[in-house]
Amino acid sequence: MKKNIVIIGSGFASLSAACYLAKAGNNVTVLEKNDTIGGRARRLSKDGFHFDIGPTWYWMPGVFEKFFGDFGKKVSDYYNLEKLSPAYDVYFENREKVTISDNLDEIAATFEGIEKGSEKKLRTFIKEAQDNYAIAVDKMVYKPGDSPLELVSTETITRVGQFFSTISQQVRKRFKNDKLIKILEFPVLFLGAKPSNTPSFYSFMNFADFGLGTWHPKKGMYSVIEAMETLATELGVEIITKANVSKIIVENKKAVSVVFNDKVRKADIVLSGADYHHSEQLLEEKYRVYSEKYWDKKIFAPSSLLFYVGFDKKVENVSHHTLFFDTPFEPHAKEIYDTKVWPKNPLYYASFPSKTDSFFAPEGKEAATFLIPIAPGLEDTEEIRKKYFDIIIDRLEKTTNQSLKENVMFVESYCVNDFIKDYNSYKGNAYGLANILTQTAFLRPKIKSKKVQNLFFTGQLTVPGPGVPPSLISGKIVSEKIIKEFSK
């Protein structure tokens, strides 16, 4: 029997769930508060320039293939992929740069050139990471997080120790060169936690990096959102933008309707892909499972200060993805996770997609996105934003040995206040909950409400966690749970 399902939000997880639920024969409506769909993966366009507002890295391509494959489709039916070569550049102090190639053989040779004997150690480390990747993707990440027993298998039992050691410990046990350590610790930052707090099992992110490579979808990550929108529409999903949900109405412990723009949409099932904390605020307090105290005690992934910049010339000595580790990592990490203050000397990441794809900037010009990770909940003012843009542009000029300030055509910024305004993000976090041991799998907020029988959640704050591939998977997990429970 068809169910009327209302989904709040239109990010990767929501669109994923919408497709699976519509394929199962349900009437699915997606309500998006913003003008365009995509959640945190929207697009900014200005003066002929285009920017991915949110995610810019395309890793774990098999997850995307699996998603579209579930509908008898291929990624290539919707967008074109290019493997980036090099994958990315990393700048260190004194303008030292390490280029990460698009294949393990060249990466291993680069490592060996920096630290004698490291090639063999790297290959061993990546082989272990590949084994962990197979277990994570095949045995773990598609589980609903209902019970710790989901994690128990022959393969995971043999790796119990990897949940009680950290990425940082495993990397530093093998490698001594600080540059190599930073490069190997970098991928887990996508999980929203310090390498020193991230279980070593998550080394599978290193295989995603060195083994599977870094890819670029033509016209950027928003082209993936557009592909999912096309698929959802083909499956009969109704998508409504500018639909700001203000209340979930519950009767007899069942969500019966959703209020948006003073309209009421009846529902047999409600699924929220919006911020989990905010979603529960749409309920009467007696129907909320998690208290303010619960959320306040959780360790959140960082927020971000982002700049979207149009340059009137090409920027030299940078790649599509460029990391600037030209200041010490530890003080910045402490400022994010411990003292929770604005960083004195921040590390930052820059994306120059127009290096690869002419769509992003007019001919002869450059589109650039800069990201500084910061603690969630910080004071956010225009003065602070301007201060940090000046810091970034000064460092960029010095590190890459070129003049750029006079070539800035425009700067658009995005920070804590915007995450709260656009996404109702708890404390303005950018990535959800940090993936530390006490906040993983069954220890994350549940995908089904314990107090409202037909209310479900999906996205980065629940299983399997932050990131684009996990969000796609989260949509599949919750849809399977809904279909199983309501097909009875």
Protein backbone atom coordinates (compact mmCIF):
# COMPACT_ATOMS: atom_id res chain seq x y z
CA MET A 1 0.00 0.00 0.00
CA LYS A 2 1.37 3.42 -0.97
CA LYS A 3 2.41 5.71 1.85
CA ASN A 4 2.49 9.49 1.76
CA ILE A 5 6.02 10.33 2.85
CA VAL A 6 7.18 13.88 3.58
CA ILE A 7 10.93 14.49 3.63
CA ILE A 8 12.35 17.63 5.23
CA GLY A 9 15.47 18.94 3.47
CA SER A 10 17.00 18.19 0.08
CA GLY A 11 20.64 17.35 0.75
CA PHE A 12 22.37 14.19 -0.42
CA ALA A 13 20.79 12.00 2.26
CA SER A 14 17.27 13.32 1.69
CA LEU A 15 17.44 12.96 -2.10
CA SER A 16 18.93 9.48 -1.73
CA ALA A 17 16.09 8.40 0.57
CA ALA A 18 13.51 10.05 -1.68
CA CYS A 19 14.68 7.99 -4.65
CA TYR A 20 14.61 4.67 -2.79
CA LEU A 21 11.22 5.37 -1.19
CA ALA A 22 9.67 6.45 -4.49
CA LYS A 23 11.09 3.38 -6.23
CA ALA A 24 9.28 1.28 -3.60
CA GLY A 25 5.99 2.80 -4.77
CA ASN A 26 5.40 5.54 -2.22
CA ASN A 27 4.19 9.10 -2.77
CA VAL A 28 7.20 11.18 -1.77
CA THR A 29 7.36 14.95 -1.23
CA VAL A 30 10.61 16.79 -0.46
CA LEU A 31 10.36 20.16 1.31
CA GLU A 32 13.39 22.46 1.01
CA LYS A 33 13.53 25.77 2.91
CA ASN A 34 16.04 27.43 0.56
CA ASP A 35 15.54 28.69 -2.98
CA THR A 36 17.48 25.79 -4.49
CA ILE A 37 17.90 22.16 -3.56
CA GLY A 38 21.09 20.47 -2.38
CA GLY A 39 21.28 21.33 1.29
CA ARG A 40 24.91 22.07 2.06
CA ALA A 41 25.86 21.19 -1.50
CA ARG A 42 24.32 24.19 -3.28
CA ARG A 43 25.92 26.33 -5.97
CA LEU A 44 26.86 30.02 -5.93
CA SER A 45 26.97 31.84 -9.28
CA LYS A 46 28.21 35.39 -9.76
CA ASP A 47 29.55 37.40 -12.71
CA GLY A 48 30.16 34.31 -14.82
CA PHE A 49 31.86 32.45 -11.97
CA HIS A 50 30.45 29.35 -10.27
CA PHE A 51 31.31 27.80 -6.90
CA ASP A 52 30.29 24.67 -5.01
CA ILE A 53 29.11 26.20 -1.75
CA GLY A 54 29.73 23.02 0.24
CA PRO A 55 31.57 19.79 -0.62
CA THR A 56 34.27 20.01 -3.29
CA TRP A 57 35.97 16.60 -2.91
CA TYR A 58 34.65 13.57 -4.80
CA TRP A 59 36.01 10.46 -3.07
CA MET A 60 34.81 6.84 -2.87
CA PRO A 61 33.40 6.77 -6.43
CA GLY A 62 32.07 3.24 -5.92
CA VAL A 63 29.45 4.54 -3.48
CA PHE A 64 28.04 6.84 -6.16
CA GLU A 65 28.08 4.02 -8.73
CA LYS A 66 26.28 1.77 -6.27
CA PHE A 67 23.62 4.39 -5.63
CA PHE A 68 22.77 4.96 -9.28
CA GLY A 69 23.18 1.24 -9.97
CA ASP A 70 20.35 0.52 -7.54
CA PHE A 71 18.07 2.24 -10.06
CA GLY A 72 19.49 0.57 -13.15
CA LYS A 73 21.54 3.67 -13.96
CA LYS A 74 25.20 4.62 -14.21
CA VAL A 75 26.99 7.76 -13.06
CA SER A 76 27.83 8.43 -16.70
CA ASP A 77 24.12 8.64 -17.51
CA TYR A 78 24.05 11.91 -15.58
CA TYR A 79 27.50 13.51 -15.34
CA ASN A 80 31.08 13.10 -16.51
CA LEU A 81 33.88 12.23 -14.10
CA GLU A 82 37.55 13.07 -14.41
CA LYS A 83 40.28 11.63 -12.21
CA LEU A 84 42.43 14.51 -11.03
CA SER A 85 46.13 14.33 -11.79
CA PRO A 86 47.68 15.39 -9.53
CA ALA A 87 45.12 14.57 -6.86
CA TYR A 88 46.23 17.57 -4.80
CA ASP A 89 49.19 19.65 -3.65
CA VAL A 90 50.27 20.23 -0.06
CA TYR A 91 52.28 23.28 0.95
CA PHE A 92 54.43 23.25 4.06
CA GLU A 93 56.68 25.83 5.69
CA ASN A 94 59.31 27.61 3.59
CA ARG A 95 57.24 27.12 0.43
CA GLU A 96 57.99 23.40 0.38
CA LYS A 97 55.40 21.60 -1.70
CA VAL A 98 54.54 17.91 -1.97
CA THR A 99 52.45 16.81 -4.93
CA ILE A 100 50.20 13.80 -4.44
CA SER A 101 49.86 11.91 -7.70
CA ASP A 102 46.85 10.03 -9.04
CA ASN A 103 48.36 6.58 -8.45
CA LEU A 104 49.97 4.70 -5.57
CA ASP A 105 53.23 3.88 -7.38
CA GLU A 106 54.09 7.54 -7.89
CA ILE A 107 52.91 8.46 -4.40
CA ALA A 108 55.13 5.73 -2.92
CA ALA A 109 58.09 7.06 -4.89
CA THR A 110 57.37 10.56 -3.57
CA PHE A 111 57.34 9.22 -0.01
CA GLU A 112 60.61 7.35 -0.55
CA GLY A 113 62.22 10.54 -1.83
CA ILE A 114 61.28 12.33 1.37
CA GLU A 115 61.98 9.54 3.90
CA LYS A 116 64.18 6.57 3.02
CA GLY A 117 62.41 3.25 3.60
CA SER A 118 58.94 4.82 3.65
CA GLU A 119 57.80 3.33 0.33
CA LYS A 120 57.54 -0.19 1.72
CA LYS A 121 55.88 1.06 4.91
CA LEU A 122 53.37 3.05 2.88
CA ARG A 123 52.41 0.07 0.73
CA THR A 124 51.86 -2.04 3.86
CA PHE A 125 49.80 0.72 5.46
CA ILE A 126 47.64 1.21 2.37
CA LYS A 127 47.11 -2.56 2.02
CA GLU A 128 45.76 -2.62 5.60
CA ALA A 129 43.68 0.46 4.79
CA GLN A 130 42.27 -1.32 1.72
CA ASP A 131 41.27 -4.32 3.84
CA ASN A 132 39.58 -1.96 6.31
CA TYR A 133 37.82 -0.22 3.43
CA ALA A 134 36.36 -3.51 2.22
CA ILE A 135 35.10 -4.32 5.72
CA ALA A 136 33.76 -0.81 6.32
CA VAL A 137 31.88 -0.55 3.04
CA ASP A 138 30.71 -4.16 2.78
CA LYS A 139 30.10 -5.04 6.44
CA MET A 140 29.53 -1.87 8.44
CA VAL A 141 28.41 1.40 6.87
CA TYR A 142 25.14 0.08 5.46
CA LYS A 143 23.93 -0.95 8.94
CA PRO A 144 21.15 1.04 10.68
CA GLY A 145 22.96 1.58 13.99
CA ASP A 146 20.32 -0.23 16.04
CA SER A 147 22.66 -2.51 17.97
CA PRO A 148 26.36 -3.03 18.72
CA LEU A 149 25.94 -6.56 17.36
CA GLU A 150 25.83 -5.05 13.86
CA LEU A 151 29.57 -4.50 14.16
CA VAL A 152 30.35 -8.07 15.14
CA SER A 153 31.72 -10.26 12.38
CA THR A 154 34.73 -12.49 11.85
CA GLU A 155 36.53 -9.63 10.13
CA THR A 156 35.73 -6.92 12.67
CA ILE A 157 36.62 -9.11 15.67
CA THR A 158 40.16 -9.43 14.33
CA ARG A 159 40.37 -5.63 14.22
CA VAL A 160 39.05 -4.78 17.67
CA GLY A 161 42.41 -3.30 18.59
CA GLN A 162 42.10 -0.79 15.77
CA PHE A 163 39.16 0.81 17.54
CA PHE A 164 41.29 1.47 20.63
CA SER A 165 44.34 2.88 18.89
CA THR A 166 44.26 6.04 16.81
CA ILE A 167 45.17 7.05 13.28
CA SER A 168 47.81 9.34 14.71
CA GLN A 169 49.43 6.51 16.68
CA GLN A 170 49.47 4.15 13.69
CA VAL A 171 50.91 6.74 11.31
CA ARG A 172 53.57 8.01 13.71
CA LYS A 173 54.63 4.47 14.54
CA ARG A 174 55.60 3.96 10.90
CA PHE A 175 56.72 7.37 9.65
CA LYS A 176 59.01 9.98 11.16
CA ASN A 177 58.95 12.80 8.62
CA ASP A 178 56.49 15.48 9.70
CA LYS A 179 55.31 16.21 6.15
CA LEU A 180 54.45 12.56 5.50
CA ILE A 181 52.66 12.32 8.85
CA LYS A 182 50.50 15.34 8.04
CA ILE A 183 49.63 13.99 4.59
CA LEU A 184 48.56 10.64 6.05
CA GLU A 185 46.60 12.25 8.88
CA PHE A 186 44.78 14.61 6.53
CA PRO A 187 42.05 12.28 5.11
CA VAL A 188 40.43 11.60 8.49
CA LEU A 189 39.77 15.32 8.87
CA PHE A 190 36.82 14.59 6.57
CA LEU A 191 35.41 12.61 9.50
CA GLY A 192 35.34 15.73 11.63
CA ALA A 193 37.77 14.76 14.39
CA LYS A 194 41.43 15.06 15.28
CA PRO A 195 43.62 12.18 14.05
CA SER A 196 44.64 11.68 17.68
CA ASN A 197 40.97 10.94 18.54
CA THR A 198 40.03 8.93 15.45
CA PRO A 199 40.20 5.10 15.69
CA SER A 200 42.90 3.62 13.47
CA PHE A 201 40.29 1.48 11.73
CA TYR A 202 39.35 4.65 9.87
CA SER A 203 42.59 4.33 7.91
CA PHE A 204 40.22 3.17 5.17
CA MET A 205 40.05 6.88 4.34
CA ASN A 206 43.71 6.64 3.33
CA PHE A 207 42.78 3.96 0.82
CA ALA A 208 40.01 6.21 -0.47
CA ASP A 209 42.72 8.85 -0.96
CA PHE A 210 45.75 6.96 -2.32
CA GLY A 211 44.02 3.85 -3.61
CA LEU A 212 40.84 5.12 -5.25
CA GLY A 213 41.96 8.63 -6.08
CA THR A 214 40.37 12.07 -6.19
CA TRP A 215 37.79 12.76 -8.87
CA HIS A 216 36.00 15.76 -10.31
CA PRO A 217 32.46 15.70 -11.68
CA LYS A 218 32.09 18.09 -14.63
CA LYS A 219 30.50 21.33 -13.36
CA GLY A 220 31.27 20.30 -9.79
CA MET A 221 29.51 18.57 -6.92
CA TYR A 222 26.26 20.37 -7.67
CA SER A 223 26.05 18.32 -10.87
CA VAL A 224 25.63 15.27 -8.61
CA ILE A 225 22.74 17.00 -6.84
CA GLU A 226 21.21 17.81 -10.22
CA ALA A 227 21.61 14.17 -11.25
CA MET A 228 19.83 13.00 -8.10
CA GLU A 229 17.08 15.57 -8.67
CA THR A 230 16.59 14.25 -12.22
CA LEU A 231 16.44 10.67 -10.96
CA ALA A 232 14.04 11.57 -8.16
CA THR A 233 11.75 13.43 -10.57
CA GLU A 234 11.81 10.46 -12.96
CA LEU A 235 10.68 8.31 -10.04
CA GLY A 236 7.78 10.64 -9.28
CA VAL A 237 9.17 12.60 -6.31
CA GLU A 238 7.65 16.05 -5.79
CA ILE A 239 10.24 18.65 -4.74
CA ILE A 240 9.07 21.97 -3.27
CA THR A 241 11.60 24.76 -2.64
CA LYS A 242 11.09 27.83 -0.43
CA ALA A 243 9.19 25.48 1.86
CA ASN A 244 10.24 26.37 5.41
CA VAL A 245 8.96 23.68 7.78
CA SER A 246 7.86 25.16 11.10
CA LYS A 247 6.19 22.22 12.84
CA ILE A 248 5.69 18.46 12.84
CA ILE A 249 2.22 17.70 14.19
CA VAL A 250 1.94 14.54 16.30
CA GLU A 251 -1.25 12.80 17.36
CA ASN A 252 -1.37 9.57 19.37
CA LYS A 253 2.41 9.26 19.07
CA LYS A 254 2.25 9.44 15.28
CA ALA A 255 3.39 12.27 13.01
CA VAL A 256 0.26 13.11 11.02
CA SER A 257 1.33 16.23 9.15
CA VAL A 258 4.01 18.81 8.50
CA VAL A 259 3.45 22.57 8.55
CA PHE A 260 5.38 24.72 6.08
CA ASN A 261 4.71 28.29 4.93
CA ASP A 262 1.45 28.13 6.94
CA LYS A 263 0.35 25.18 4.82
CA VAL A 264 -0.30 21.69 6.14
CA ARG A 265 0.85 18.56 4.33
CA LYS A 266 -0.56 15.30 5.66
CA ALA A 267 1.84 12.40 6.03
CA ASP A 268 1.86 8.71 6.84
CA ILE A 269 5.62 8.93 7.45
CA VAL A 270 7.88 11.91 8.13
CA LEU A 271 11.61 11.75 7.41
CA SER A 272 13.91 14.63 8.30
CA GLY A 273 17.22 15.12 6.58
CA ALA A 274 17.55 18.53 8.20
CA ASP A 275 19.75 19.17 11.22
CA TYR A 276 18.74 16.56 13.83
CA HIS A 277 18.64 18.99 16.75
CA HIS A 278 16.53 21.45 14.75
CA SER A 279 14.24 18.66 13.54
CA GLU A 280 13.39 17.76 17.12
CA GLN A 281 12.65 21.44 17.85
CA LEU A 282 9.80 21.10 15.34
CA LEU A 283 8.14 18.72 17.82
CA GLU A 284 6.43 19.39 21.12
CA GLU A 285 9.00 18.95 23.87
CA LYS A 286 7.44 15.72 25.13
CA TYR A 287 8.18 14.05 21.79
CA ARG A 288 11.87 14.99 21.69
CA VAL A 289 14.26 12.13 22.39
CA TYR A 290 17.47 14.12 22.94
CA SER A 291 17.77 16.93 25.47
CA GLU A 292 19.70 20.18 25.14
CA LYS A 293 22.16 18.73 27.64
CA TYR A 294 22.72 15.74 25.34
CA TRP A 295 23.55 17.93 22.36
CA ASP A 296 25.73 20.27 24.38
CA LYS A 297 27.90 17.38 25.54
CA LYS A 298 28.43 15.98 22.05
CA ILE A 299 31.70 16.59 20.21
CA PHE A 300 30.86 18.29 16.95
CA ALA A 301 32.91 18.44 13.81
CA PRO A 302 34.25 21.89 12.95
CA SER A 303 32.42 24.74 11.40
CA SER A 304 34.11 26.64 8.57
CA LEU A 305 34.91 30.10 7.38
CA LEU A 306 34.66 30.00 3.60
CA PHE A 307 35.55 32.53 0.93
CA TYR A 308 34.40 32.34 -2.69
CA VAL A 309 36.70 34.51 -4.75
CA GLY A 310 36.80 35.60 -8.36
CA PHE A 311 40.29 36.51 -9.66
CA ASP A 312 40.76 38.44 -12.91
CA LYS A 313 43.78 36.30 -13.82
CA LYS A 314 44.96 32.71 -13.47
CA VAL A 315 46.50 31.79 -10.10
CA GLU A 316 49.90 30.15 -10.44
CA ASN A 317 51.63 27.36 -8.50
CA VAL A 318 48.44 25.73 -7.26
CA SER A 319 46.41 22.65 -8.22
CA HIS A 320 42.66 22.03 -8.33
CA HIS A 321 42.88 21.00 -4.65
CA THR A 322 45.64 22.61 -2.58
CA LEU A 323 46.23 22.22 1.16
CA PHE A 324 48.19 24.83 3.08
CA PHE A 325 49.90 23.20 6.05
CA ASP A 326 52.41 26.02 6.22
CA THR A 327 51.76 26.55 9.93
CA PRO A 328 51.77 23.95 12.76
CA PHE A 329 48.68 21.72 12.87
CA GLU A 330 48.52 21.06 16.62
CA PRO A 331 47.79 24.64 17.81
CA HIS A 332 45.00 25.01 15.22
CA ALA A 333 43.50 21.64 16.19
CA LYS A 334 43.56 22.68 19.84
CA GLU A 335 41.77 25.93 18.98
CA ILE A 336 39.06 23.96 17.17
CA TYR A 337 38.44 21.13 19.64
CA ASP A 338 39.79 22.23 23.02
CA THR A 339 39.96 25.98 23.65
CA LYS A 340 37.33 26.69 20.92
CA VAL A 341 38.63 30.10 19.89
CA TRP A 342 39.43 31.75 16.58
CA PRO A 343 42.79 30.39 15.36
CA LYS A 344 45.89 32.57 15.45
CA ASN A 345 47.65 30.89 12.53
CA PRO A 346 45.10 28.76 10.72
CA LEU A 347 45.73 25.99 8.29
CA TYR A 348 43.48 26.28 5.28
CA TYR A 349 42.35 24.51 2.14
CA ALA A 350 41.88 26.04 -1.31
CA SER A 351 40.01 24.77 -4.34
CA PHE A 352 40.69 26.14 -7.81
CA PRO A 353 38.17 24.18 -9.89
CA SER A 354 38.70 26.37 -12.94
CA LYS A 355 42.14 24.71 -13.22
CA THR A 356 40.26 21.61 -14.35
CA ASP A 357 36.89 22.80 -15.56
CA SER A 358 36.24 25.92 -17.68
CA PHE A 359 32.65 26.01 -16.38
CA PHE A 360 33.77 27.64 -13.14
CA ALA A 361 35.30 30.88 -14.44
CA PRO A 362 35.35 33.06 -17.55
CA GLU A 363 38.35 32.55 -19.82
CA GLY A 364 41.61 33.84 -18.35
CA LYS A 365 40.12 34.15 -14.86
CA GLU A 366 40.17 31.90 -11.79
CA ALA A 367 37.49 30.75 -9.36
CA ALA A 368 38.79 29.96 -5.88
CA THR A 369 37.23 28.62 -2.70
CA PHE A 370 39.12 28.97 0.58
CA LEU A 371 38.15 27.08 3.75
CA ILE A 372 39.41 27.61 7.29
CA PRO A 373 38.14 24.99 9.78
CA ILE A 374 37.00 26.61 13.03
CA ALA A 375 35.22 25.61 16.23
CA PRO A 376 31.42 25.67 15.99
CA GLY A 377 29.60 28.37 17.92
CA LEU A 378 32.21 31.11 17.55
CA GLU A 379 31.31 34.78 17.25
CA ASP A 380 30.88 35.58 13.57
CA THR A 381 31.16 39.18 12.34
CA GLU A 382 32.08 40.90 9.08
CA GLU A 383 35.17 42.35 10.77
CA ILE A 384 36.38 38.89 11.76
CA ARG A 385 35.74 37.54 8.26
CA LYS A 386 37.68 40.40 6.65
CA LYS A 387 40.58 39.89 9.06
CA TYR A 388 40.90 36.23 8.09
CA PHE A 389 40.58 36.88 4.38
CA ASP A 390 43.48 39.30 4.64
CA ILE A 391 45.48 36.64 6.51
CA ILE A 392 44.72 34.04 3.84
CA ILE A 393 45.48 36.21 0.83
CA ASP A 394 48.76 37.38 2.42
CA ARG A 395 49.82 33.80 3.07
CA LEU A 396 48.72 32.66 -0.38
CA GLU A 397 50.82 35.35 -2.04
CA LYS A 398 53.91 34.53 0.01
CA THR A 399 53.57 30.75 -0.22
CA THR A 400 52.95 30.65 -3.97
CA ASN A 401 55.25 33.58 -4.78
CA GLN A 402 52.85 35.83 -6.68
CA SER A 403 50.82 39.01 -6.32
CA LEU A 404 47.05 38.49 -6.08
CA LYS A 405 45.40 41.17 -3.90
CA GLU A 406 44.93 43.59 -6.78
CA ASN A 407 43.40 40.82 -8.90
CA VAL A 408 40.49 40.05 -6.59
CA MET A 409 37.26 40.89 -8.43
CA PHE A 410 34.93 39.94 -5.57
CA VAL A 411 34.80 37.99 -2.31
CA GLU A 412 31.73 36.23 -0.92
CA SER A 413 32.05 34.75 2.56
CA TYR A 414 30.17 32.04 4.46
CA CYS A 415 30.50 31.21 8.14
CA VAL A 416 28.76 30.22 11.38
CA ASN A 417 25.83 32.62 11.03
CA ASP A 418 25.14 31.38 7.50
CA PHE A 419 25.21 27.71 8.51
CA ILE A 420 22.63 28.53 11.17
CA LYS A 421 20.46 30.70 8.89
CA ASP A 422 20.51 28.42 5.84
CA TYR A 423 20.61 24.97 7.46
CA ASN A 424 19.48 25.47 11.07
CA SER A 425 22.84 23.94 11.89
CA TYR A 426 23.50 23.30 15.59
CA LYS A 427 26.04 25.94 16.68
CA GLY A 428 26.77 26.51 13.01
CA ASN A 429 28.71 23.25 12.60
CA ALA A 430 29.57 22.31 9.02
CA TYR A 431 29.94 18.52 9.14
CA GLY A 432 27.82 17.06 11.93
CA LEU A 433 29.15 14.96 14.80
CA ALA A 434 32.82 14.09 14.96
CA ASN A 435 33.46 10.42 14.15
CA ILE A 436 35.15 9.44 17.38
CA LEU A 437 34.76 6.03 19.07
CA THR A 438 32.01 7.17 21.46
CA GLN A 439 29.99 8.69 18.61
CA THR A 440 30.15 6.01 15.96
CA ALA A 441 27.67 3.45 14.60
CA PHE A 442 25.03 2.53 17.23
CA LEU A 443 26.27 5.36 19.49
CA ARG A 444 25.05 8.06 17.07
CA PRO A 445 21.55 9.61 17.24
CA LYS A 446 19.05 7.02 16.04
CA ILE A 447 17.47 7.05 12.59
CA LYS A 448 14.07 6.29 14.13
CA SER A 449 12.42 8.31 16.88
CA LYS A 450 11.74 6.38 20.08
CA LYS A 451 8.75 8.59 20.88
CA VAL A 452 7.05 9.13 17.51
CA GLN A 453 6.28 5.87 15.72
CA ASN A 454 6.57 7.06 12.14
CA LEU A 455 9.28 9.74 12.43
CA PHE A 456 12.72 9.04 10.99
CA PHE A 457 16.01 10.89 10.49
CA THR A 458 18.79 10.77 7.94
CA GLY A 459 22.01 12.64 7.16
CA GLN A 460 25.34 13.50 8.70
CA LEU A 461 24.23 13.52 12.36
CA THR A 462 23.09 9.91 12.28
CA VAL A 463 24.56 6.73 10.76
CA PRO A 464 26.98 6.31 9.12
CA GLY A 465 28.26 9.87 9.69
CA PRO A 466 29.58 12.99 7.96
CA GLY A 467 30.63 13.27 4.34
CA VAL A 468 28.95 12.93 0.96
CA PRO A 469 29.28 9.14 0.45
CA PRO A 470 28.04 8.44 4.01
CA SER A 471 25.08 10.74 3.36
CA LEU A 472 24.12 8.77 0.26
CA ILE A 473 24.38 5.62 2.32
CA SER A 474 22.36 7.16 5.16
CA GLY A 475 19.50 7.76 2.74
CA LYS A 476 19.55 4.12 1.71
CA ILE A 477 19.73 2.87 5.31
CA VAL A 478 16.72 4.86 6.48
CA SER A 479 14.65 4.05 3.39
CA GLU A 480 15.26 0.32 3.87
CA LYS A 481 14.18 0.62 7.51
CA ILE A 482 11.02 2.50 6.55
CA ILE A 483 10.14 0.06 3.77
CA LYS A 484 10.72 -2.93 6.05
CA GLU A 485 8.64 -1.58 8.93
CA PHE A 486 5.73 -0.24 6.89
CA SER A 487 5.38 -3.05 4.37
CA LYS A 488 4.06 -5.32 7.10
